[in-house]
């Protein structure tokens, strides 16, 4: 049985969630309006950069809980704008 990487699962979860709230796949990551989400899978962790119109937010996904927290953060950003 092939071992599945947690990083791959977390990345796919974020990509699917973002797609459900209107983000589309772009060359550098996911985007919607003036927000860009760049996912960088490192050997040991998943790093995400959220680029807003005038600032950015870096986020490290290290557990299933941080993956869920990021999805909630992304939803919160959408509800504020």
PDB file of N, CA and C in Angstrom:
ATOM      1  N   UNK A   1       0.834  -1.182   0.000  1.00  0.00           N
ATOM      2  CA  UNK A   1       0.000   0.000   0.000  1.00  0.00           C
ATOM      3  C   UNK A   1       0.881   1.247   0.000  1.00  0.00           C
ATOM      4  N   UNK A   2       0.581   2.180  -0.874  1.00  0.00           N
ATOM      5  CA  UNK A   2       1.375   3.393  -1.012  1.00  0.00           C
ATOM      6  C   UNK A   2       1.032   4.386   0.102  1.00  0.00           C
ATOM      7  N   UNK A   3       2.070   4.949   0.713  1.00  0.00           N
ATOM      8  CA  UNK A   3       1.874   5.922   1.782  1.00  0.00           C
ATOM      9  C   UNK A   3       1.489   7.274   1.173  1.00  0.00           C
ATOM     10  N   UNK A   4       0.445   7.880   1.711  1.00  0.00           N
ATOM     11  CA  UNK A   4      -0.031   9.169   1.221  1.00  0.00           C
ATOM     12  C   UNK A   4       0.571  10.274   2.078  1.00  0.00           C
ATOM     13  N   UNK A   5       1.066  11.292   1.444  1.00  0.00           N
ATOM     14  CA  UNK A   5       1.675  12.421   2.140  1.00  0.00           C
ATOM     15  C   UNK A   5       0.599  13.326   2.734  1.00  0.00           C
ATOM     16  N   UNK A   6       0.773  13.661   4.005  1.00  0.00           N
ATOM     17  CA  UNK A   6      -0.148  14.609   4.633  1.00  0.00           C
ATOM     18  C   UNK A   6      -0.104  15.955   3.920  1.00  0.00           C
ATOM     19  N   UNK A   7       1.090  16.361   3.474  1.00  0.00           N
ATOM     20  CA  UNK A   7       1.212  17.642   2.775  1.00  0.00           C
ATOM     21  C   UNK A   7       0.351  17.662   1.518  1.00  0.00           C
ATOM     22  N   UNK A   8       0.333  16.562   0.790  1.00  0.00           N
ATOM     23  CA  UNK A   8      -0.482  16.479  -0.425  1.00  0.00           C
ATOM     24  C   UNK A   8      -1.966  16.558  -0.085  1.00  0.00           C
ATOM     25  N   UNK A   9      -2.366  15.906   0.997  1.00  0.00           N
ATOM     26  CA  UNK A   9      -3.773  15.949   1.415  1.00  0.00           C
ATOM     27  C   UNK A   9      -4.163  17.362   1.822  1.00  0.00           C
ATOM     28  N   UNK A  10      -3.312  18.027   2.625  1.00  0.00           N
ATOM     29  CA  UNK A  10      -3.619  19.386   3.076  1.00  0.00           C
ATOM     30  C   UNK A  10      -3.662  20.347   1.891  1.00  0.00           C
ATOM     31  N   UNK A  11      -2.712  20.186   0.957  1.00  0.00           N
ATOM     32  CA  UNK A  11      -2.685  21.065  -0.222  1.00  0.00           C
ATOM     33  C   UNK A  11      -3.963  20.884  -1.036  1.00  0.00           C
ATOM     34  N   UNK A  12      -4.344  19.649  -1.277  1.00  0.00           N
ATOM     35  CA  UNK A  12      -5.552  19.363  -2.055  1.00  0.00           C
ATOM     36  C   UNK A  12      -6.796  19.885  -1.349  1.00  0.00           C
ATOM     37  N   UNK A  13      -6.841  19.770  -0.032  1.00  0.00           N
ATOM     38  CA  UNK A  13      -7.970  20.297   0.744  1.00  0.00           C
ATOM     39  C   UNK A  13      -8.101  21.797   0.545  1.00  0.00           C
ATOM     40  N   UNK A  14      -6.983  22.512   0.632  1.00  0.00           N
ATOM     41  CA  UNK A  14      -7.002  23.970   0.471  1.00  0.00           C
ATOM     42  C   UNK A  14      -7.391  24.350  -0.950  1.00  0.00           C
ATOM     43  N   UNK A  15      -6.846  23.657  -1.937  1.00  0.00           N
ATOM     44  CA  UNK A  15      -7.174  23.956  -3.338  1.00  0.00           C
ATOM     45  C   UNK A  15      -8.663  23.733  -3.597  1.00  0.00           C
ATOM     46  N   UNK A  16      -9.208  22.634  -3.119  1.00  0.00           N
ATOM     47  CA  UNK A  16     -10.642  22.354  -3.331  1.00  0.00           C
ATOM     48  C   UNK A  16     -11.526  23.355  -2.597  1.00  0.00           C
ATOM     49  N   UNK A  17     -11.157  23.675  -1.354  1.00  0.00           N
ATOM     50  CA  UNK A  17     -11.943  24.644  -0.593  1.00  0.00           C
ATOM     51  C   UNK A  17     -11.922  26.003  -1.289  1.00  0.00           C
ATOM     52  N   UNK A  18     -10.747  26.438  -1.704  1.00  0.00           N
ATOM     53  CA  UNK A  18     -10.629  27.727  -2.388  1.00  0.00           C
ATOM     54  C   UNK A  18     -11.451  27.729  -3.678  1.00  0.00           C
ATOM     55  N   UNK A  19     -11.447  26.625  -4.394  1.00  0.00           N
ATOM     56  CA  UNK A  19     -12.243  26.523  -5.625  1.00  0.00           C
ATOM     57  C   UNK A  19     -13.733  26.666  -5.334  1.00  0.00           C
ATOM     58  N   UNK A  20     -14.167  26.094  -4.213  1.00  0.00           N
ATOM     59  CA  UNK A  20     -15.584  26.176  -3.843  1.00  0.00           C
ATOM     60  C   UNK A  20     -16.024  27.599  -3.511  1.00  0.00           C
ATOM     61  N   UNK A  21     -15.097  28.442  -3.062  1.00  0.00           N
ATOM     62  CA  UNK A  21     -15.479  29.824  -2.748  1.00  0.00           C
ATOM     63  C   UNK A  21     -15.055  30.795  -3.849  1.00  0.00           C
ATOM     64  N   UNK A  22     -14.761  30.260  -5.040  1.00  0.00           N
ATOM     65  CA  UNK A  22     -14.587  31.105  -6.208  1.00  0.00           C
ATOM     66  C   UNK A  22     -13.176  31.365  -6.684  1.00  0.00           C
ATOM     67  N   UNK A  23     -12.179  30.760  -6.078  1.00  0.00           N
ATOM     68  CA  UNK A  23     -10.803  30.949  -6.534  1.00  0.00           C
ATOM     69  C   UNK A  23     -10.553  30.075  -7.754  1.00  0.00           C
ATOM     70  N   UNK A  24      -9.705  30.553  -8.652  1.00  0.00           N
ATOM     71  CA  UNK A  24      -9.369  29.799  -9.857  1.00  0.00           C
ATOM     72  C   UNK A  24      -7.868  29.524  -9.876  1.00  0.00           C
ATOM     73  N   UNK A  25      -7.501  28.446 -10.553  1.00  0.00           N
ATOM     74  CA  UNK A  25      -6.093  28.067 -10.660  1.00  0.00           C
ATOM     75  C   UNK A  25      -5.397  29.009 -11.635  1.00  0.00           C
ATOM     76  N   UNK A  26      -4.312  29.615 -11.181  1.00  0.00           N
ATOM     77  CA  UNK A  26      -3.485  30.483 -12.007  1.00  0.00           C
ATOM     78  C   UNK A  26      -2.082  29.897 -12.078  1.00  0.00           C
ATOM     79  N   UNK A  27      -1.213  30.541 -12.841  1.00  0.00           N
ATOM     80  CA  UNK A  27       0.150  30.035 -12.992  1.00  0.00           C
ATOM     81  C   UNK A  27       0.892  29.957 -11.659  1.00  0.00           C
ATOM     82  N   UNK A  28       0.754  30.982 -10.820  1.00  0.00           N
ATOM     83  CA  UNK A  28       1.486  31.027  -9.539  1.00  0.00           C
ATOM     84  C   UNK A  28       0.733  30.403  -8.378  1.00  0.00           C
ATOM     85  N   UNK A  29      -0.531  30.093  -8.538  1.00  0.00           N
ATOM     86  CA  UNK A  29      -1.316  29.553  -7.433  1.00  0.00           C
ATOM     87  C   UNK A  29      -2.799  29.713  -7.700  1.00  0.00           C
ATOM     88  N   UNK A  30      -3.523  30.178  -6.683  1.00  0.00           N
ATOM     89  CA  UNK A  30      -4.961  30.395  -6.793  1.00  0.00           C
ATOM     90  C   UNK A  30      -5.240  31.882  -6.705  1.00  0.00           C
ATOM     91  N   UNK A  31      -6.229  32.356  -7.444  1.00  0.00           N
ATOM     92  CA  UNK A  31      -6.522  33.778  -7.405  1.00  0.00           C
ATOM     93  C   UNK A  31      -7.995  34.082  -7.519  1.00  0.00           C
ATOM     94  N   UNK A  32      -8.352  35.221  -6.937  1.00  0.00           N
ATOM     95  CA  UNK A  32      -9.714  35.735  -7.040  1.00  0.00           C
ATOM     96  C   UNK A  32      -9.646  37.228  -6.786  1.00  0.00           C
ATOM     97  N   UNK A  33     -10.180  38.007  -7.708  1.00  0.00           N
ATOM     98  CA  UNK A  33     -10.152  39.461  -7.607  1.00  0.00           C
ATOM     99  C   UNK A  33      -8.717  39.923  -7.354  1.00  0.00           C
ATOM    100  N   UNK A  34      -8.460  40.582  -6.236  1.00  0.00           N
ATOM    101  CA  UNK A  34      -7.111  41.089  -5.961  1.00  0.00           C
ATOM    102  C   UNK A  34      -6.376  40.260  -4.909  1.00  0.00           C
ATOM    103  N   UNK A  35      -6.775  38.999  -4.747  1.00  0.00           N
ATOM    104  CA  UNK A  35      -6.141  38.111  -3.769  1.00  0.00           C
ATOM    105  C   UNK A  35      -5.485  36.942  -4.504  1.00  0.00           C
ATOM    106  N   UNK A  36      -4.244  36.659  -4.131  1.00  0.00           N
ATOM    107  CA  UNK A  36      -3.513  35.532  -4.707  1.00  0.00           C
ATOM    108  C   UNK A  36      -3.070  34.623  -3.572  1.00  0.00           C
ATOM    109  N   UNK A  37      -3.258  33.317  -3.727  1.00  0.00           N
ATOM    110  CA  UNK A  37      -2.824  32.328  -2.740  1.00  0.00           C
ATOM    111  C   UNK A  37      -1.764  31.457  -3.412  1.00  0.00           C
ATOM    112  N   UNK A  38      -0.533  31.550  -2.912  1.00  0.00           N
ATOM    113  CA  UNK A  38       0.582  30.793  -3.475  1.00  0.00           C
ATOM    114  C   UNK A  38       0.925  29.663  -2.515  1.00  0.00           C
ATOM    115  N   UNK A  39       0.855  28.424  -2.990  1.00  0.00           N
ATOM    116  CA  UNK A  39       1.155  27.248  -2.171  1.00  0.00           C
ATOM    117  C   UNK A  39       2.526  26.708  -2.550  1.00  0.00           C
ATOM    118  N   UNK A  40       3.388  26.550  -1.575  1.00  0.00           N
ATOM    119  CA  UNK A  40       4.741  26.045  -1.791  1.00  0.00           C
ATOM    120  C   UNK A  40       4.940  24.817  -0.917  1.00  0.00           C
ATOM    121  N   UNK A  41       5.032  23.657  -1.535  1.00  0.00           N
ATOM    122  CA  UNK A  41       5.232  22.431  -0.775  1.00  0.00           C
ATOM    123  C   UNK A  41       6.722  22.205  -0.592  1.00  0.00           C
ATOM    124  N   UNK A  42       7.163  22.362   0.628  1.00  0.00           N
ATOM    125  CA  UNK A  42       8.538  22.123   1.022  1.00  0.00           C
ATOM    126  C   UNK A  42       8.664  20.635   1.330  1.00  0.00           C
ATOM    127  N   UNK A  43       9.849  20.162   1.638  1.00  0.00           N
ATOM    128  CA  UNK A  43      10.029  18.749   1.970  1.00  0.00           C
ATOM    129  C   UNK A  43       9.249  18.381   3.226  1.00  0.00           C
ATOM    130  N   UNK A  44       9.222  19.265   4.211  1.00  0.00           N
ATOM    131  CA  UNK A  44       8.610  18.937   5.496  1.00  0.00           C
ATOM    132  C   UNK A  44       7.377  19.755   5.844  1.00  0.00           C
ATOM    133  N   UNK A  45       7.057  20.767   5.056  1.00  0.00           N
ATOM    134  CA  UNK A  45       5.896  21.583   5.405  1.00  0.00           C
ATOM    135  C   UNK A  45       5.300  22.251   4.171  1.00  0.00           C
ATOM    136  N   UNK A  46       4.086  22.713   4.328  1.00  0.00           N
ATOM    137  CA  UNK A  46       3.374  23.425   3.274  1.00  0.00           C
ATOM    138  C   UNK A  46       3.346  24.894   3.662  1.00  0.00           C
ATOM    139  N   UNK A  47       3.953  25.739   2.836  1.00  0.00           N
ATOM    140  CA  UNK A  47       3.983  27.175   3.101  1.00  0.00           C
ATOM    141  C   UNK A  47       3.015  27.861   2.150  1.00  0.00           C
ATOM    142  N   UNK A  48       2.255  28.796   2.695  1.00  0.00           N
ATOM    143  CA  UNK A  48       1.279  29.520   1.892  1.00  0.00           C
ATOM    144  C   UNK A  48       1.524  31.007   2.050  1.00  0.00           C
ATOM    145  N   UNK A  49       1.448  31.721   0.953  1.00  0.00           N
ATOM    146  CA  UNK A  49       1.519  33.178   0.997  1.00  0.00           C
ATOM    147  C   UNK A  49       0.220  33.715   0.416  1.00  0.00           C
ATOM    148  N   UNK A  50      -0.477  34.526   1.187  1.00  0.00           N
ATOM    149  CA  UNK A  50      -1.687  35.189   0.715  1.00  0.00           C
ATOM    150  C   UNK A  50      -1.280  36.611   0.358  1.00  0.00           C
ATOM    151  N   UNK A  51      -1.411  36.967  -0.904  1.00  0.00           N
ATOM    152  CA  UNK A  51      -1.012  38.285  -1.375  1.00  0.00           C
ATOM    153  C   UNK A  51      -2.266  39.117  -1.583  1.00  0.00           C
ATOM    154  N   UNK A  52      -2.389  40.156  -0.778  1.00  0.00           N
ATOM    155  CA  UNK A  52      -3.505  41.092  -0.885  1.00  0.00           C
ATOM    156  C   UNK A  52      -3.041  42.279  -1.712  1.00  0.00           C
ATOM    157  N   UNK A  53      -3.911  43.227  -1.966  1.00  0.00           N
ATOM    158  CA  UNK A  53      -3.555  44.344  -2.835  1.00  0.00           C
ATOM    159  C   UNK A  53      -2.370  45.155  -2.311  1.00  0.00           C
ATOM    160  N   UNK A  54      -2.240  45.303  -0.991  1.00  0.00           N
ATOM    161  CA  UNK A  54      -1.148  46.133  -0.472  1.00  0.00           C
ATOM    162  C   UNK A  54      -0.293  45.454   0.596  1.00  0.00           C
ATOM    163  N   UNK A  55      -0.521  44.201   0.874  1.00  0.00           N
ATOM    164  CA  UNK A  55       0.294  43.486   1.864  1.00  0.00           C
ATOM    165  C   UNK A  55       0.189  41.985   1.618  1.00  0.00           C
ATOM    166  N   UNK A  56       0.941  41.228   2.399  1.00  0.00           N
ATOM    167  CA  UNK A  56       0.868  39.774   2.250  1.00  0.00           C
ATOM    168  C   UNK A  56       0.909  39.110   3.620  1.00  0.00           C
ATOM    169  N   UNK A  57       0.475  37.867   3.656  1.00  0.00           N
ATOM    170  CA  UNK A  57       0.412  37.072   4.879  1.00  0.00           C
ATOM    171  C   UNK A  57       1.040  35.720   4.586  1.00  0.00           C
ATOM    172  N   UNK A  58       2.010  35.331   5.393  1.00  0.00           N
ATOM    173  CA  UNK A  58       2.644  34.020   5.246  1.00  0.00           C
ATOM    174  C   UNK A  58       2.073  33.077   6.287  1.00  0.00           C
ATOM    175  N   UNK A  59       1.811  31.846   5.877  1.00  0.00           N
ATOM    176  CA  UNK A  59       1.149  30.880   6.745  1.00  0.00           C
ATOM    177  C   UNK A  59       1.786  29.515   6.524  1.00  0.00           C
ATOM    178  N   UNK A  60       2.158  28.839   7.586  1.00  0.00           N
ATOM    179  CA  UNK A  60       2.717  27.489   7.493  1.00  0.00           C
ATOM    180  C   UNK A  60       1.667  26.473   7.916  1.00  0.00           C
ATOM    181  N   UNK A  61       1.463  25.463   7.084  1.00  0.00           N
ATOM    182  CA  UNK A  61       0.531  24.387   7.407  1.00  0.00           C
ATOM    183  C   UNK A  61       1.365  23.234   7.956  1.00  0.00           C
ATOM    184  N   UNK A  62       1.167  22.934   9.244  1.00  0.00           N
ATOM    185  CA  UNK A  62       1.952  21.887   9.894  1.00  0.00           C
ATOM    186  C   UNK A  62       1.093  20.769  10.467  1.00  0.00           C
ATOM    187  N   UNK A  63      -0.220  20.932  10.396  1.00  0.00           N
ATOM    188  CA  UNK A  63      -1.120  19.919  10.954  1.00  0.00           C
ATOM    189  C   UNK A  63      -2.476  20.030  10.270  1.00  0.00           C
ATOM    190  N   UNK A  64      -3.324  19.055  10.513  1.00  0.00           N
ATOM    191  CA  UNK A  64      -4.682  19.110   9.966  1.00  0.00           C
ATOM    192  C   UNK A  64      -5.418  20.322  10.522  1.00  0.00           C
ATOM    193  N   UNK A  65      -5.180  20.646  11.787  1.00  0.00           N
ATOM    194  CA  UNK A  65      -5.842  21.797  12.400  1.00  0.00           C
ATOM    195  C   UNK A  65      -5.410  23.106  11.746  1.00  0.00           C
ATOM    196  N   UNK A  66      -4.123  23.255  11.428  1.00  0.00           N
ATOM    197  CA  UNK A  66      -3.689  24.488  10.771  1.00  0.00           C
ATOM    198  C   UNK A  66      -4.235  24.572   9.348  1.00  0.00           C
ATOM    199  N   UNK A  67      -4.481  23.437   8.708  1.00  0.00           N
ATOM    200  CA  UNK A  67      -5.115  23.412   7.388  1.00  0.00           C
ATOM    201  C   UNK A  67      -6.553  23.928   7.493  1.00  0.00           C
ATOM    202  N   UNK A  68      -7.277  23.434   8.487  1.00  0.00           N
ATOM    203  CA  UNK A  68      -8.657  23.890   8.716  1.00  0.00           C
ATOM    204  C   UNK A  68      -8.675  25.372   9.065  1.00  0.00           C
ATOM    205  N   UNK A  69      -7.750  25.788   9.931  1.00  0.00           N
ATOM    206  CA  UNK A  69      -7.671  27.199  10.321  1.00  0.00           C
ATOM    207  C   UNK A  69      -7.422  28.101   9.119  1.00  0.00           C
ATOM    208  N   UNK A  70      -6.554  27.650   8.193  1.00  0.00           N
ATOM    209  CA  UNK A  70      -6.293  28.457   7.006  1.00  0.00           C
ATOM    210  C   UNK A  70      -7.544  28.584   6.144  1.00  0.00           C
ATOM    211  N   UNK A  71      -8.277  27.499   5.973  1.00  0.00           N
ATOM    212  CA  UNK A  71      -9.517  27.559   5.192  1.00  0.00           C
ATOM    213  C   UNK A  71     -10.503  28.542   5.824  1.00  0.00           C
ATOM    214  N   UNK A  72     -10.599  28.529   7.150  1.00  0.00           N
ATOM    215  CA  UNK A  72     -11.474  29.486   7.838  1.00  0.00           C
ATOM    216  C   UNK A  72     -10.971  30.912   7.667  1.00  0.00           C
ATOM    217  N   UNK A  73      -9.655  31.101   7.695  1.00  0.00           N
ATOM    218  CA  UNK A  73      -9.074  32.422   7.464  1.00  0.00           C
ATOM    219  C   UNK A  73      -9.404  32.914   6.061  1.00  0.00           C
ATOM    220  N   UNK A  74      -9.283  32.042   5.077  1.00  0.00           N
ATOM    221  CA  UNK A  74      -9.590  32.414   3.697  1.00  0.00           C
ATOM    222  C   UNK A  74     -11.059  32.805   3.560  1.00  0.00           C
ATOM    223  N   UNK A  75     -11.938  32.063   4.207  1.00  0.00           N
ATOM    224  CA  UNK A  75     -13.361  32.403   4.187  1.00  0.00           C
ATOM    225  C   UNK A  75     -13.594  33.757   4.865  1.00  0.00           C
ATOM    226  N   UNK A  76     -12.892  34.014   5.963  1.00  0.00           N
ATOM    227  CA  UNK A  76     -13.029  35.296   6.668  1.00  0.00           C
ATOM    228  C   UNK A  76     -12.571  36.455   5.803  1.00  0.00           C
ATOM    229  N   UNK A  77     -11.469  36.273   5.084  1.00  0.00           N
ATOM    230  CA  UNK A  77     -10.988  37.317   4.170  1.00  0.00           C
ATOM    231  C   UNK A  77     -12.056  37.620   3.133  1.00  0.00           C
ATOM    232  N   UNK A  78     -12.689  36.580   2.614  1.00  0.00           N
ATOM    233  CA  UNK A  78     -13.742  36.768   1.615  1.00  0.00           C
ATOM    234  C   UNK A  78     -14.945  37.508   2.193  1.00  0.00           C
ATOM    235  N   UNK A  79     -15.297  37.231   3.433  1.00  0.00           N
ATOM    236  CA  UNK A  79     -16.476  37.877   4.020  1.00  0.00           C
ATOM    237  C   UNK A  79     -16.215  39.337   4.366  1.00  0.00           C
ATOM    238  N   UNK A  80     -14.947  39.705   4.575  1.00  0.00           N
ATOM    239  CA  UNK A  80     -14.610  41.087   4.932  1.00  0.00           C
ATOM    240  C   UNK A  80     -14.586  41.990   3.711  1.00  0.00           C
ATOM    241  N   UNK A  81     -14.137  41.478   2.581  1.00  0.00           N
ATOM    242  CA  UNK A  81     -13.961  42.365   1.421  1.00  0.00           C
ATOM    243  C   UNK A  81     -15.237  42.742   0.738  1.00  0.00           C
TER     244      UNK A  81
END
